[in-house]
Every structure is written in C-alpha cells, then in structure tokens.
Amino acid sequence: TEALLYRAGAIGSPGTVERGDTVCDFDPLEKDYRHSLSLAL
C-alpha cells in the first residue's frame, strides 16, 4: 500500500512497518505489534 501511494504521488516517501510510520498502521498498538490489527482506507 505504501509503494502504491508513493508511486501515485499521494505521499512524499514510503513508510515502513518497522519504523511505524505507514499510512495504514497508525494505531499505537499496531506500531507496538508491528502488524495490522484493523482495516484501513
């Protein structure tokens, strides 16, 4: 999803799950768990 958003110009640089700065995994628990816990649009 990050790669698609970056390629489309929707974000300036792609985030990573490891850094906890992706558009979709924004919940604090998702950053702690390092994986998605709920759907994101």
Full PDB file with SEQRES, HELIX, SHEET, SSBOND, CRYST1, ORIGX, SCALE, CONECT and MASTER records, all heavy atoms in Angstrom:
SEQRES   1 A   41  THR GLU ALA LEU LEU TYR ARG ALA GLY ALA ILE GLY SER          
SEQRES   2 A   41  PRO GLY THR VAL GLU ARG GLY ASP THR VAL CYS ASP PHE          
SEQRES   3 A   41  ASP PRO LEU GLU LYS ASP TYR ARG HIS SER LEU SER LEU          
SEQRES   4 A   41  ALA LEU                                                      
HELIX    1 AA1 GLU A    2  ALA A    8  1                                   7    
HELIX    2 AA2 PRO A   28  TYR A   33  1                                   6    
CRYST1    1.000    1.000    1.000  90.00  90.00  90.00 P 1           1          
ORIGX1      1.000000  0.000000  0.000000        0.00000                         
ORIGX2      0.000000  1.000000  0.000000        0.00000                         
ORIGX3      0.000000  0.000000  1.000000        0.00000                         
SCALE1      1.000000  0.000000  0.000000        0.00000                         
SCALE2      0.000000  1.000000  0.000000        0.00000                         
SCALE3      0.000000  0.000000  1.000000        0.00000                         
ATOM      1  N   THR A   1       0.839  -1.207   0.000  1.00  0.00           N  
ATOM      2  CA  THR A   1       0.000   0.000   0.000  1.00  0.00           C  
ATOM      3  C   THR A   1       0.869   1.250   0.000  1.00  0.00           C  
ATOM      4  O   THR A   1       0.596   2.213  -0.733  1.00  0.00           O  
ATOM      5  CB  THR A   1      -0.931   0.000   1.231  1.00  0.00           C  
ATOM      6  OG1 THR A   1      -1.752  -1.173   1.208  1.00  0.00           O  
ATOM      7  CG2 THR A   1      -1.823   1.228   1.244  1.00  0.00           C  
ATOM      8  N   GLU A   2       1.920   1.247   0.806  1.00  0.00           N  
ATOM      9  CA  GLU A   2       2.844   2.382   0.823  1.00  0.00           C  
ATOM     10  C   GLU A   2       3.484   2.594  -0.552  1.00  0.00           C  
ATOM     11  O   GLU A   2       3.617   3.735  -1.023  1.00  0.00           O  
ATOM     12  CB  GLU A   2       3.940   2.149   1.870  1.00  0.00           C  
ATOM     13  CG  GLU A   2       3.477   2.231   3.302  1.00  0.00           C  
ATOM     14  CD  GLU A   2       3.097   3.639   3.715  1.00  0.00           C  
ATOM     15  OE1 GLU A   2       3.926   4.559   3.575  1.00  0.00           O  
ATOM     16  OE2 GLU A   2       1.952   3.817   4.175  1.00  0.00           O  
ATOM     17  N   ALA A   3       3.875   1.497  -1.195  1.00  0.00           N  
ATOM     18  CA  ALA A   3       4.514   1.603  -2.506  1.00  0.00           C  
ATOM     19  C   ALA A   3       3.546   2.175  -3.537  1.00  0.00           C  
ATOM     20  O   ALA A   3       3.931   2.992  -4.387  1.00  0.00           O  
ATOM     21  CB  ALA A   3       5.019   0.231  -2.951  1.00  0.00           C  
ATOM     22  N   LEU A   4       2.282   1.760  -3.473  1.00  0.00           N  
ATOM     23  CA  LEU A   4       1.277   2.286  -4.403  1.00  0.00           C  
ATOM     24  C   LEU A   4       1.031   3.777  -4.165  1.00  0.00           C  
ATOM     25  O   LEU A   4       0.944   4.569  -5.111  1.00  0.00           O  
ATOM     26  CB  LEU A   4      -0.027   1.501  -4.247  1.00  0.00           C  
ATOM     27  CG  LEU A   4      -0.004   0.036  -4.720  1.00  0.00           C  
ATOM     28  CD1 LEU A   4      -1.251  -0.703  -4.237  1.00  0.00           C  
ATOM     29  CD2 LEU A   4       0.099  -0.047  -6.235  1.00  0.00           C  
ATOM     30  N   LEU A   5       0.909   4.157  -2.889  1.00  0.00           N  
ATOM     31  CA  LEU A   5       0.686   5.570  -2.565  1.00  0.00           C  
ATOM     32  C   LEU A   5       1.868   6.431  -3.010  1.00  0.00           C  
ATOM     33  O   LEU A   5       1.693   7.534  -3.547  1.00  0.00           O  
ATOM     34  CB  LEU A   5       0.454   5.730  -1.056  1.00  0.00           C  
ATOM     35  CG  LEU A   5      -0.850   5.162  -0.498  1.00  0.00           C  
ATOM     36  CD1 LEU A   5      -0.835   5.198   1.027  1.00  0.00           C  
ATOM     37  CD2 LEU A   5      -2.055   5.933  -1.025  1.00  0.00           C  
ATOM     38  N   TYR A   6       3.072   5.918  -2.789  1.00  0.00           N  
ATOM     39  CA  TYR A   6       4.264   6.670  -3.186  1.00  0.00           C  
ATOM     40  C   TYR A   6       4.345   6.799  -4.705  1.00  0.00           C  
ATOM     41  O   TYR A   6       4.631   7.882  -5.239  1.00  0.00           O  
ATOM     42  CB  TYR A   6       5.505   5.977  -2.638  1.00  0.00           C  
ATOM     43  CG  TYR A   6       6.798   6.597  -3.093  1.00  0.00           C  
ATOM     44  CD1 TYR A   6       7.149   7.889  -2.714  1.00  0.00           C  
ATOM     45  CD2 TYR A   6       7.683   5.880  -3.908  1.00  0.00           C  
ATOM     46  CE1 TYR A   6       8.339   8.465  -3.136  1.00  0.00           C  
ATOM     47  CE2 TYR A   6       8.871   6.443  -4.334  1.00  0.00           C  
ATOM     48  CZ  TYR A   6       9.192   7.738  -3.944  1.00  0.00           C  
ATOM     49  OH  TYR A   6      10.360   8.312  -4.371  1.00  0.00           O  
ATOM     50  N   ARG A   7       4.089   5.700  -5.407  1.00  0.00           N  
ATOM     51  CA  ARG A   7       4.156   5.726  -6.867  1.00  0.00           C  
ATOM     52  C   ARG A   7       3.118   6.682  -7.452  1.00  0.00           C  
ATOM     53  O   ARG A   7       3.359   7.347  -8.468  1.00  0.00           O  
ATOM     54  CB  ARG A   7       3.927   4.316  -7.413  1.00  0.00           C  
ATOM     55  CG  ARG A   7       4.063   4.193  -8.916  1.00  0.00           C  
ATOM     56  CD  ARG A   7       5.511   4.202  -9.339  1.00  0.00           C  
ATOM     57  NE  ARG A   7       5.648   4.248 -10.782  1.00  0.00           N  
ATOM     58  CZ  ARG A   7       6.787   4.088 -11.430  1.00  0.00           C  
ATOM     59  NH1 ARG A   7       7.902   3.867 -10.741  1.00  0.00           N  
ATOM     60  NH2 ARG A   7       6.851   4.167 -12.731  1.00  0.00           N  
ATOM     61  N   ALA A   8       1.957   6.789  -6.780  1.00  0.00           N  
ATOM     62  CA  ALA A   8       0.888   7.666  -7.266  1.00  0.00           C  
ATOM     63  C   ALA A   8       1.100   9.113  -6.851  1.00  0.00           C  
ATOM     64  O   ALA A   8       0.332   9.987  -7.251  1.00  0.00           O  
ATOM     65  CB  ALA A   8      -0.462   7.174  -6.750  1.00  0.00           C  
ATOM     66  N   GLY A   9       2.111   9.378  -6.015  1.00  0.00           N  
ATOM     67  CA  GLY A   9       2.351  10.736  -5.559  1.00  0.00           C  
ATOM     68  C   GLY A   9       1.483  11.165  -4.400  1.00  0.00           C  
ATOM     69  O   GLY A   9       1.424  12.354  -4.062  1.00  0.00           O  
ATOM     70  N   ALA A  10       0.810  10.208  -3.749  1.00  0.00           N  
ATOM     71  CA  ALA A  10      -0.059  10.551  -2.620  1.00  0.00           C  
ATOM     72  C   ALA A  10       0.736  10.796  -1.345  1.00  0.00           C  
ATOM     73  O   ALA A  10       0.245  11.445  -0.423  1.00  0.00           O  
ATOM     74  CB  ALA A  10      -1.083   9.438  -2.394  1.00  0.00           C  
ATOM     75  N   ILE A  11       1.962  10.256  -1.261  1.00  0.00           N  
ATOM     76  CA  ILE A  11       2.839  10.505  -0.120  1.00  0.00           C  
ATOM     77  C   ILE A  11       4.224  10.850  -0.645  1.00  0.00           C  
ATOM     78  O   ILE A  11       4.613  10.441  -1.753  1.00  0.00           O  
ATOM     79  CB  ILE A  11       2.914   9.294   0.846  1.00  0.00           C  
ATOM     80  CG1 ILE A  11       3.354   8.025   0.109  1.00  0.00           C  
ATOM     81  CG2 ILE A  11       1.582   9.075   1.531  1.00  0.00           C  
ATOM     82  CD1 ILE A  11       3.521   6.816   1.014  1.00  0.00           C  
ATOM     83  N   GLY A  12       5.002  11.587   0.160  1.00  0.00           N  
ATOM     84  CA  GLY A  12       6.318  12.027  -0.276  1.00  0.00           C  
ATOM     85  C   GLY A  12       7.356  10.936  -0.254  1.00  0.00           C  
ATOM     86  O   GLY A  12       8.266  10.911  -1.088  1.00  0.00           O  
ATOM     87  N   SER A  13       7.241  10.013   0.706  1.00  0.00           N  
ATOM     88  CA  SER A  13       8.174   8.891   0.805  1.00  0.00           C  
ATOM     89  C   SER A  13       7.454   7.731   1.475  1.00  0.00           C  
ATOM     90  O   SER A  13       6.598   7.944   2.343  1.00  0.00           O  
ATOM     91  CB  SER A  13       9.423   9.281   1.605  1.00  0.00           C  
ATOM     92  OG  SER A  13       9.064   9.648   2.931  1.00  0.00           O  
ATOM     93  N   PRO A  14       7.788   6.518   1.082  1.00  0.00           N  
ATOM     94  CA  PRO A  14       7.084   5.367   1.673  1.00  0.00           C  
ATOM     95  C   PRO A  14       7.542   5.106   3.101  1.00  0.00           C  
ATOM     96  O   PRO A  14       8.741   5.163   3.410  1.00  0.00           O  
ATOM     97  CB  PRO A  14       7.472   4.212   0.745  1.00  0.00           C  
ATOM     98  CG  PRO A  14       8.763   4.639   0.117  1.00  0.00           C  
ATOM     99  CD  PRO A  14       8.717   6.130   0.010  1.00  0.00           C  
ATOM    100  N   GLY A  15       6.601   4.832   3.989  1.00  0.00           N  
ATOM    101  CA  GLY A  15       6.935   4.445   5.350  1.00  0.00           C  
ATOM    102  C   GLY A  15       7.202   2.955   5.438  1.00  0.00           C  
ATOM    103  O   GLY A  15       7.035   2.210   4.466  1.00  0.00           O  
ATOM    104  N   THR A  16       7.607   2.497   6.598  1.00  0.00           N  
ATOM    105  CA  THR A  16       7.844   1.068   6.816  1.00  0.00           C  
ATOM    106  C   THR A  16       7.152   0.629   8.102  1.00  0.00           C  
ATOM    107  O   THR A  16       6.970   1.419   9.034  1.00  0.00           O  
ATOM    108  CB  THR A  16       9.350   0.745   6.936  1.00  0.00           C  
ATOM    109  OG1 THR A  16       9.866   1.314   8.144  1.00  0.00           O  
ATOM    110  CG2 THR A  16      10.125   1.288   5.749  1.00  0.00           C  
ATOM    111  N   VAL A  17       6.797  -0.646   8.127  1.00  0.00           N  
ATOM    112  CA  VAL A  17       6.164  -1.216   9.314  1.00  0.00           C  
ATOM    113  C   VAL A  17       7.137  -1.175  10.484  1.00  0.00           C  
ATOM    114  O   VAL A  17       6.750  -0.924  11.632  1.00  0.00           O  
ATOM    115  CB  VAL A  17       5.698  -2.658   9.021  1.00  0.00           C  
ATOM    116  CG1 VAL A  17       5.193  -3.320  10.303  1.00  0.00           C  
ATOM    117  CG2 VAL A  17       4.619  -2.673   7.947  1.00  0.00           C  
ATOM    118  N   GLU A  18       8.420  -1.404  10.198  1.00  0.00           N  
ATOM    119  CA  GLU A  18       9.432  -1.437  11.258  1.00  0.00           C  
ATOM    120  C   GLU A  18       9.569  -0.070  11.928  1.00  0.00           C  
ATOM    121  O   GLU A  18       9.728   0.012  13.157  1.00  0.00           O  
ATOM    122  CB  GLU A  18      10.776  -1.886  10.694  1.00  0.00           C  
ATOM    123  CG  GLU A  18      10.823  -3.347  10.248  1.00  0.00           C  
ATOM    124  CD  GLU A  18      10.070  -3.581   8.942  1.00  0.00           C  
ATOM    125  OE1 GLU A  18       9.829  -2.593   8.182  1.00  0.00           O  
ATOM    126  OE2 GLU A  18       9.702  -4.736   8.685  1.00  0.00           O  
ATOM    127  N   ARG A  19       9.515   0.996  11.145  1.00  0.00           N  
ATOM    128  CA  ARG A  19       9.627   2.339  11.723  1.00  0.00           C  
ATOM    129  C   ARG A  19       8.312   2.817  12.331  1.00  0.00           C  
ATOM    130  O   ARG A  19       8.289   3.784  13.087  1.00  0.00           O  
ATOM    131  CB  ARG A  19      10.066   3.339  10.648  1.00  0.00           C  
ATOM    132  CG  ARG A  19      11.490   3.181  10.176  1.00  0.00           C  
ATOM    133  CD  ARG A  19      11.973   4.447   9.468  1.00  0.00           C  
ATOM    134  NE  ARG A  19      11.100   4.848   8.382  1.00  0.00           N  
ATOM    135  CZ  ARG A  19      11.289   4.551   7.103  1.00  0.00           C  
ATOM    136  NH1 ARG A  19      12.347   3.838   6.754  1.00  0.00           N  
ATOM    137  NH2 ARG A  19      10.446   4.976   6.172  1.00  0.00           N  
ATOM    138  N   GLY A  20       7.209   2.173  11.960  1.00  0.00           N  
ATOM    139  CA  GLY A  20       5.910   2.564  12.491  1.00  0.00           C  
ATOM    140  C   GLY A  20       5.379   3.847  11.899  1.00  0.00           C  
ATOM    141  O   GLY A  20       4.619   4.564  12.567  1.00  0.00           O  
ATOM    142  N   ASP A  21       5.747   4.152  10.630  1.00  0.00           N  
ATOM    143  CA  ASP A  21       5.299   5.412  10.027  1.00  0.00           C  
ATOM    144  C   ASP A  21       4.504   5.192   8.745  1.00  0.00           C  
ATOM    145  O   ASP A  21       4.498   6.040   7.859  1.00  0.00           O  
ATOM    146  CB  ASP A  21       6.499   6.326   9.753  1.00  0.00           C  
ATOM    147  CG  ASP A  21       7.533   5.696   8.827  1.00  0.00           C  
ATOM    148  OD1 ASP A  21       7.391   4.503   8.498  1.00  0.00           O  
ATOM    149  OD2 ASP A  21       8.488   6.405   8.433  1.00  0.00           O  
ATOM    150  N   THR A  22       3.817   4.047   8.624  1.00  0.00           N  
ATOM    151  CA  THR A  22       2.985   3.814   7.442  1.00  0.00           C  
ATOM    152  C   THR A  22       1.652   4.535   7.594  1.00  0.00           C  
ATOM    153  O   THR A  22       1.209   4.854   8.705  1.00  0.00           O  
ATOM    154  CB  THR A  22       2.725   2.311   7.230  1.00  0.00           C  
ATOM    155  OG1 THR A  22       1.985   1.801   8.351  1.00  0.00           O  
ATOM    156  CG2 THR A  22       4.029   1.547   7.090  1.00  0.00           C  
ATOM    157  N   VAL A  23       1.009   4.776   6.470  1.00  0.00           N  
ATOM    158  CA  VAL A  23      -0.288   5.462   6.473  1.00  0.00           C  
ATOM    159  C   VAL A  23      -1.352   4.600   7.145  1.00  0.00           C  
ATOM    160  O   VAL A  23      -2.214   5.102   7.871  1.00  0.00           O  
ATOM    161  CB  VAL A  23      -0.711   5.830   5.031  1.00  0.00           C  
ATOM    162  CG1 VAL A  23      -2.115   6.427   5.016  1.00  0.00           C  
ATOM    163  CG2 VAL A  23       0.280   6.802   4.416  1.00  0.00           C  
ATOM    164  N   CYS A  24      -1.286   3.289   6.922  1.00  0.00           N  
ATOM    165  CA  CYS A  24      -2.383   2.414   7.378  1.00  0.00           C  
ATOM    166  C   CYS A  24      -2.222   1.919   8.813  1.00  0.00           C  
ATOM    167  O   CYS A  24      -3.215   1.792   9.532  1.00  0.00           O  
ATOM    168  CB  CYS A  24      -2.506   1.217   6.429  1.00  0.00           C  
ATOM    169  SG  CYS A  24      -3.053   1.671   4.774  1.00  0.00           S  
ATOM    170  N   ASP A  25      -0.999   1.623   9.233  1.00  0.00           N  
ATOM    171  CA  ASP A  25      -0.794   1.127  10.602  1.00  0.00           C  
ATOM    172  C   ASP A  25      -0.485   2.305  11.522  1.00  0.00           C  
ATOM    173  O   ASP A  25       0.634   2.485  12.009  1.00  0.00           O  
ATOM    174  CB  ASP A  25       0.348   0.105  10.638  1.00  0.00           C  
ATOM    175  CG  ASP A  25      -0.042  -1.213  10.013  1.00  0.00           C  
ATOM    176  OD1 ASP A  25      -1.215  -1.355   9.619  1.00  0.00           O  
ATOM    177  OD2 ASP A  25       0.826  -2.103   9.888  1.00  0.00           O  
ATOM    178  N   PHE A  26      -1.512   3.117  11.768  1.00  0.00           N  
ATOM    179  CA  PHE A  26      -1.325   4.331  12.559  1.00  0.00           C  
ATOM    180  C   PHE A  26      -1.682   4.152  14.027  1.00  0.00           C  
ATOM    181  O   PHE A  26      -1.336   4.974  14.867  1.00  0.00           O  
ATOM    182  CB  PHE A  26      -2.165   5.471  11.981  1.00  0.00           C  
ATOM    183  CG  PHE A  26      -3.630   5.128  11.835  1.00  0.00           C  
ATOM    184  CD1 PHE A  26      -4.513   5.260  12.883  1.00  0.00           C  
ATOM    185  CD2 PHE A  26      -4.112   4.656  10.625  1.00  0.00           C  
ATOM    186  CE1 PHE A  26      -5.853   4.924  12.752  1.00  0.00           C  
ATOM    187  CE2 PHE A  26      -5.459   4.332  10.475  1.00  0.00           C  
ATOM    188  CZ  PHE A  26      -6.335   4.466  11.540  1.00  0.00           C  
ATOM    189  N   ASP A  27      -2.391   3.089  14.357  1.00  0.00           N  
ATOM    190  CA  ASP A  27      -2.794   2.863  15.741  1.00  0.00           C  
ATOM    191  C   ASP A  27      -1.567   2.533  16.595  1.00  0.00           C  
ATOM    192  O   ASP A  27      -0.673   1.802  16.151  1.00  0.00           O  
ATOM    193  CB  ASP A  27      -3.803   1.709  15.800  1.00  0.00           C  
ATOM    194  CG  ASP A  27      -4.365   1.493  17.190  1.00  0.00           C  
ATOM    195  OD1 ASP A  27      -3.736   0.753  17.969  1.00  0.00           O  
ATOM    196  OD2 ASP A  27      -5.427   2.063  17.501  1.00  0.00           O  
ATOM    197  N   PRO A  28      -1.488   3.069  17.836  1.00  0.00           N  
ATOM    198  CA  PRO A  28      -0.327   2.773  18.692  1.00  0.00           C  
ATOM    199  C   PRO A  28      -0.091   1.285  18.894  1.00  0.00           C  
ATOM    200  O   PRO A  28       1.062   0.836  18.942  1.00  0.00           O  
ATOM    201  CB  PRO A  28      -0.677   3.470  20.012  1.00  0.00           C  
ATOM    202  CG  PRO A  28      -1.603   4.585  19.624  1.00  0.00           C  
ATOM    203  CD  PRO A  28      -2.397   4.065  18.466  1.00  0.00           C  
ATOM    204  N   LEU A  29      -1.159   0.497  19.004  1.00  0.00           N  
ATOM    205  CA  LEU A  29      -0.984  -0.939  19.187  1.00  0.00           C  
ATOM    206  C   LEU A  29      -0.432  -1.594  17.927  1.00  0.00           C  
ATOM    207  O   LEU A  29       0.340  -2.555  18.003  1.00  0.00           O  
ATOM    208  CB  LEU A  29      -2.311  -1.587  19.589  1.00  0.00           C  
ATOM    209  CG  LEU A  29      -2.794  -1.292  21.008  1.00  0.00           C  
ATOM    210  CD1 LEU A  29      -4.159  -1.913  21.260  1.00  0.00           C  
ATOM    211  CD2 LEU A  29      -1.793  -1.804  22.036  1.00  0.00           C  
ATOM    212  N   GLU A  30      -0.833  -1.090  16.757  1.00  0.00           N  
ATOM    213  CA  GLU A  30      -0.281  -1.627  15.510  1.00  0.00           C  
ATOM    214  C   GLU A  30       1.215  -1.356  15.431  1.00  0.00           C  
ATOM    215  O   GLU A  30       1.982  -2.189  14.934  1.00  0.00           O  
ATOM    216  CB  GLU A  30      -1.009  -1.027  14.313  1.00  0.00           C  
ATOM    217  CG  GLU A  30      -2.442  -1.516  14.169  1.00  0.00           C  
ATOM    218  CD  GLU A  30      -3.184  -0.882  13.004  1.00  0.00           C  
ATOM    219  OE1 GLU A  30      -3.060   0.351  12.834  1.00  0.00           O  
ATOM    220  OE2 GLU A  30      -3.887  -1.608  12.281  1.00  0.00           O  
ATOM    221  N   LYS A  31       1.635  -0.202  15.906  1.00  0.00           N  
ATOM    222  CA  LYS A  31       3.066   0.110  15.919  1.00  0.00           C  
ATOM    223  C   LYS A  31       3.810  -0.782  16.911  1.00  0.00           C  
ATOM    224  O   LYS A  31       4.943  -1.206  16.648  1.00  0.00           O  
ATOM    225  CB  LYS A  31       3.273   1.578  16.266  1.00  0.00           C  
ATOM    226  CG  LYS A  31       2.694   2.536  15.225  1.00  0.00           C  
ATOM    227  CD  LYS A  31       2.880   3.998  15.627  1.00  0.00           C  
ATOM    228  CE  LYS A  31       2.256   4.932  14.598  1.00  0.00           C  
ATOM    229  NZ  LYS A  31       2.452   6.361  14.940  1.00  0.00           N  
ATOM    230  N   ASP A  32       3.164  -1.090  18.039  1.00  0.00           N  
ATOM    231  CA  ASP A  32       3.794  -1.981  19.018  1.00  0.00           C  
ATOM    232  C   ASP A  32       3.854  -3.417  18.500  1.00  0.00           C  
ATOM    233  O   ASP A  32       4.879  -4.096  18.633  1.00  0.00           O  
ATOM    234  CB  ASP A  32       3.018  -1.945  20.336  1.00  0.00           C  
ATOM    235  CG  ASP A  32       3.187  -0.624  21.082  1.00  0.00           C  
ATOM    236  OD1 ASP A  32       4.137   0.122  20.755  1.00  0.00           O  
ATOM    237  OD2 ASP A  32       2.364  -0.332  21.967  1.00  0.00           O  
ATOM    238  N   TYR A  33       2.751  -3.883  17.915  1.00  0.00           N  
ATOM    239  CA  TYR A  33       2.673  -5.264  17.432  1.00  0.00           C  
ATOM    240  C   TYR A  33       3.457  -5.452  16.132  1.00  0.00           C  
ATOM    241  O   TYR A  33       3.813  -6.565  15.763  1.00  0.00           O  
ATOM    242  CB  TYR A  33       1.220  -5.652  17.179  1.00  0.00           C  
ATOM    243  CG  TYR A  33       0.391  -5.947  18.401  1.00  0.00           C  
ATOM    244  CD1 TYR A  33       0.549  -5.237  19.592  1.00  0.00           C  
ATOM    245  CD2 TYR A  33      -0.593  -6.924  18.364  1.00  0.00           C  
ATOM    246  CE1 TYR A  33      -0.238  -5.501  20.692  1.00  0.00           C  
ATOM    247  CE2 TYR A  33      -1.386  -7.196  19.456  1.00  0.00           C  
ATOM    248  CZ  TYR A  33      -1.206  -6.481  20.628  1.00  0.00           C  
ATOM    249  OH  TYR A  33      -1.991  -6.737  21.721  1.00  0.00           O  
ATOM    250  N   ARG A  34       3.641  -4.343  15.378  1.00  0.00           N  
ATOM    251  CA  ARG A  34       4.304  -4.358  14.074  1.00  0.00           C  
ATOM    252  C   ARG A  34       3.547  -5.198  13.044  1.00  0.00           C  
ATOM    253  O   ARG A  34       4.139  -5.888  12.214  1.00  0.00           O  
ATOM    254  CB  ARG A  34       5.751  -4.843  14.195  1.00  0.00           C  
ATOM    255  CG  ARG A  34       6.636  -3.860  14.951  1.00  0.00           C  
ATOM    256  CD  ARG A  34       8.098  -4.148  14.757  1.00  0.00           C  
ATOM    257  NE  ARG A  34       8.914  -3.112  15.366  1.00  0.00           N  
ATOM    258  CZ  ARG A  34      10.222  -3.039  15.277  1.00  0.00           C  
ATOM    259  NH1 ARG A  34      10.890  -3.955  14.592  1.00  0.00           N  
ATOM    260  NH2 ARG A  34      10.905  -2.049  15.848  1.00  0.00           N  
ATOM    261  N   HIS A  35       2.245  -5.126  13.101  1.00  0.00           N  
ATOM    262  CA  HIS A  35       1.404  -5.664  12.033  1.00  0.00           C  
ATOM    263  C   HIS A  35       0.017  -5.055  12.159  1.00  0.00           C  
ATOM    264  O   HIS A  35      -0.347  -4.510  13.204  1.00  0.00           O  
ATOM    265  CB  HIS A  35       1.345  -7.194  12.045  1.00  0.00           C  
ATOM    266  CG  HIS A  35       0.786  -7.787  13.304  1.00  0.00           C  
ATOM    267  ND1 HIS A  35      -0.546  -7.792  13.611  1.00  0.00           N  
ATOM    268  CD2 HIS A  35       1.404  -8.406  14.342  1.00  0.00           C  
ATOM    269  CE1 HIS A  35      -0.736  -8.389  14.764  1.00  0.00           C  
ATOM    270  NE2 HIS A  35       0.427  -8.762  15.236  1.00  0.00           N  
ATOM    271  N   SER A  36      -0.746  -5.138  11.088  1.00  0.00           N  
ATOM    272  CA  SER A  36      -2.077  -4.518  11.056  1.00  0.00           C  
ATOM    273  C   SER A  36      -3.028  -5.252  11.985  1.00  0.00           C  
ATOM    274  O   SER A  36      -2.998  -6.487  12.104  1.00  0.00           O  
ATOM    275  CB  SER A  36      -2.633  -4.526   9.631  1.00  0.00           C  
ATOM    276  OG  SER A  36      -1.774  -3.835   8.748  1.00  0.00           O  
ATOM    277  N   LEU A  37      -3.897  -4.491  12.632  1.00  0.00           N  
ATOM    278  CA  LEU A  37      -4.888  -5.049  13.546  1.00  0.00           C  
ATOM    279  C   LEU A  37      -6.309  -4.728  13.110  1.00  0.00           C  
ATOM    280  O   LEU A  37      -7.258  -5.313  13.617  1.00  0.00           O  
ATOM    281  CB  LEU A  37      -4.658  -4.506  14.962  1.00  0.00           C  
ATOM    282  CG  LEU A  37      -3.301  -4.841  15.592  1.00  0.00           C  
ATOM    283  CD1 LEU A  37      -3.090  -4.038  16.861  1.00  0.00           C  
ATOM    284  CD2 LEU A  37      -3.204  -6.331  15.875  1.00  0.00           C  
ATOM    285  N   SER A  38      -6.455  -3.777  12.191  1.00  0.00           N  
ATOM    286  CA  SER A  38      -7.771  -3.394  11.711  1.00  0.00           C  
ATOM    287  C   SER A  38      -7.635  -2.933  10.268  1.00  0.00           C  
ATOM    288  O   SER A  38      -6.532  -2.630   9.790  1.00  0.00           O  
ATOM    289  CB  SER A  38      -8.360  -2.266  12.573  1.00  0.00           C  
ATOM    290  OG  SER A  38      -9.669  -1.926  12.142  1.00  0.00           O  
ATOM    291  N   LEU A  39      -8.743  -2.932   9.553  1.00  0.00           N  
ATOM    292  CA  LEU A  39      -8.692  -2.458   8.170  1.00  0.00           C  
ATOM    293  C   LEU A  39      -8.456  -0.950   8.144  1.00  0.00           C  
ATOM    294  O   LEU A  39      -8.798  -0.225   9.086  1.00  0.00           O  
ATOM    295  CB  LEU A  39      -9.966  -2.831   7.410  1.00  0.00           C  
ATOM    296  CG  LEU A  39     -11.314  -2.262   7.867  1.00  0.00           C  
ATOM    297  CD1 LEU A  39     -11.551  -0.852   7.348  1.00  0.00           C  
ATOM    298  CD2 LEU A  39     -12.439  -3.173   7.374  1.00  0.00           C  
ATOM    299  N   ALA A  40      -7.842  -0.470   7.071  1.00  0.00           N  
ATOM    300  CA  ALA A  40      -7.565   0.956   6.890  1.00  0.00           C  
ATOM    301  C   ALA A  40      -7.853   1.330   5.444  1.00  0.00           C  
ATOM    302  O   ALA A  40      -7.649   0.523   4.533  1.00  0.00           O  
ATOM    303  CB  ALA A  40      -6.118   1.277   7.258  1.00  0.00           C  
ATOM    304  N   LEU A  41      -8.329   2.559   5.248  1.00  0.00           N  
ATOM    305  CA  LEU A  41      -8.718   3.032   3.919  1.00  0.00           C  
ATOM    306  C   LEU A  41      -7.720   4.071   3.418  1.00  0.00           C  
ATOM    307  O   LEU A  41      -7.277   4.932   4.184  1.00  0.00           O  
ATOM    308  CB  LEU A  41     -10.108   3.663   3.955  1.00  0.00           C  
ATOM    309  CG  LEU A  41     -11.328   2.740   3.920  1.00  0.00           C  
ATOM    310  CD1 LEU A  41     -11.368   1.832   5.136  1.00  0.00           C  
ATOM    311  CD2 LEU A  41     -12.615   3.552   3.846  1.00  0.00           C  
TER     312      LEU A  41                                                      
MASTER        0    0    0    2    0    0    0    6  311    1    0    4          
END                                                                             
